[in-house]
């Protein structure tokens, strides 16, 4: 079983990157904010159902919480065919959101520019 603190810290990191408050995230996955907080701190172990719901809201695979040194690319970007993970990470660090990238991809597809 993977370290619950590692999975919890990854959950918190991904939640914050998605700009979701603890309360809003908990509402979306239908768990209490207190329970989510305990998981993020590694004080409790989340169930398969818990991580599946988290992954769905965050747009990732549930297994991503347990893989070390993994670069997270939201499913939307994977489906759009973006393979430049390094570029994605640089954009993420500059505060460019997934939604902005998807808009740019769609505009590029429409205009060919």
Protein backbone atom coordinates (compact mmCIF):
# COMPACT_ATOMS: atom_id res chain seq x y z
CA UNK A 1 0.00 0.00 0.00
CA UNK A 2 1.41 3.41 -0.91
CA UNK A 3 2.29 5.90 1.77
CA UNK A 4 -0.90 7.74 2.72
CA UNK A 5 1.07 10.94 3.37
CA UNK A 6 2.43 10.93 -0.19
CA UNK A 7 -1.01 10.36 -1.71
CA UNK A 8 -2.52 13.00 0.57
CA UNK A 9 0.11 15.61 -0.23
CA UNK A 10 -0.33 14.95 -3.96
CA UNK A 11 -4.08 15.36 -3.54
CA UNK A 12 -3.62 18.72 -1.84
CA UNK A 13 -1.11 19.90 -4.44
CA UNK A 14 -3.42 18.95 -7.31
CA UNK A 15 -6.46 20.48 -5.60
CA UNK A 16 -4.63 23.76 -5.11
CA UNK A 17 -3.33 23.71 -8.69
CA UNK A 18 -6.96 23.36 -9.78
CA UNK A 19 -7.72 26.43 -7.69
CA UNK A 20 -10.35 24.62 -5.63
CA UNK A 21 -10.91 25.44 -1.98
CA UNK A 22 -11.11 22.56 0.44
CA UNK A 23 -14.82 23.20 0.94
CA UNK A 24 -15.61 23.37 -2.81
CA UNK A 25 -13.53 20.30 -3.59
CA UNK A 26 -15.20 18.31 -0.79
CA UNK A 27 -18.62 19.35 -2.08
CA UNK A 28 -17.76 18.15 -5.60
CA UNK A 29 -16.55 14.73 -4.43
CA UNK A 30 -19.37 14.42 -1.87
CA UNK A 31 -17.15 14.02 1.19
CA UNK A 32 -16.81 16.30 4.20
CA UNK A 33 -14.08 18.99 4.19
CA UNK A 34 -12.81 17.52 7.48
CA UNK A 35 -12.37 14.07 5.93
CA UNK A 36 -10.54 15.50 2.89
CA UNK A 37 -8.28 17.49 5.20
CA UNK A 38 -7.37 14.35 7.19
CA UNK A 39 -6.48 12.55 3.94
CA UNK A 40 -4.38 15.49 2.69
CA UNK A 41 -2.44 15.49 5.96
CA UNK A 42 -1.91 11.71 5.81
CA UNK A 43 -3.88 11.20 9.01
CA UNK A 44 -6.37 8.87 7.29
CA UNK A 45 -6.22 6.57 4.28
CA UNK A 46 -8.66 7.29 1.50
CA UNK A 47 -10.72 4.51 -0.05
CA UNK A 48 -10.60 3.54 -3.71
CA UNK A 49 -13.95 5.29 -4.13
CA UNK A 50 -12.56 8.45 -2.52
CA UNK A 51 -9.55 8.65 -4.85
CA UNK A 52 -11.68 7.74 -7.87
CA UNK A 53 -13.98 10.70 -7.15
CA UNK A 54 -10.99 12.98 -6.56
CA UNK A 55 -9.41 11.89 -9.83
CA UNK A 56 -12.63 12.52 -11.73
CA UNK A 57 -12.92 16.07 -10.39
CA UNK A 58 -9.22 16.77 -11.02
CA UNK A 59 -9.20 15.18 -14.49
CA UNK A 60 -6.53 12.59 -13.75
CA UNK A 61 -6.27 8.84 -13.13
CA UNK A 62 -6.74 7.61 -9.56
CA UNK A 63 -3.43 5.76 -9.89
CA UNK A 64 -1.66 9.08 -10.38
CA UNK A 65 -1.92 9.75 -6.65
CA UNK A 66 0.34 6.80 -5.93
CA UNK A 67 3.00 7.10 -8.63
CA UNK A 68 6.14 8.83 -7.50
CA UNK A 69 7.89 11.44 -9.64
CA UNK A 70 5.00 11.55 -12.07
CA UNK A 71 4.32 14.68 -14.07
CA UNK A 72 0.60 15.39 -13.99
CA UNK A 73 -1.04 16.17 -17.30
CA UNK A 74 -4.83 16.59 -17.12
CA UNK A 75 -6.83 14.18 -19.27
CA UNK A 76 -8.14 17.07 -21.36
CA UNK A 77 -4.62 17.87 -22.52
CA UNK A 78 -3.81 14.21 -23.15
CA UNK A 79 -6.94 13.92 -25.29
CA UNK A 80 -6.05 17.10 -27.17
CA UNK A 81 -2.80 15.45 -28.24
CA UNK A 82 -0.38 17.63 -26.30
CA UNK A 83 2.82 15.66 -25.82
CA UNK A 84 5.16 18.42 -24.65
CA UNK A 85 5.06 17.77 -20.94
CA UNK A 86 7.96 20.09 -20.20
CA UNK A 87 6.18 22.94 -21.93
CA UNK A 88 3.04 22.12 -19.96
CA UNK A 89 4.96 22.31 -16.69
CA UNK A 90 6.52 25.65 -17.61
CA UNK A 91 3.09 27.03 -18.46
CA UNK A 92 1.68 25.70 -15.19
CA UNK A 93 4.42 27.45 -13.22
CA UNK A 94 3.58 30.70 -15.03
CA UNK A 95 -0.06 30.40 -13.96
CA UNK A 96 -1.49 29.44 -17.32
CA UNK A 97 -4.57 27.30 -16.72
CA UNK A 98 -5.67 24.13 -18.48
CA UNK A 99 -8.73 25.98 -19.71
CA UNK A 100 -6.58 28.64 -21.38
CA UNK A 101 -4.48 26.00 -23.13
CA UNK A 102 -7.58 24.18 -24.34
CA UNK A 103 -8.98 27.45 -25.69
CA UNK A 104 -5.73 28.08 -27.55
CA UNK A 105 -5.73 24.56 -28.98
CA UNK A 106 -9.33 24.92 -30.14
CA UNK A 107 -8.61 28.32 -31.68
CA UNK A 108 -5.57 26.88 -33.43
CA UNK A 109 -7.64 24.03 -34.81
CA UNK A 110 -10.31 26.42 -36.09
CA UNK A 111 -7.96 29.01 -37.60
CA UNK A 112 -4.92 26.89 -38.37
CA UNK A 113 -2.73 29.49 -36.68
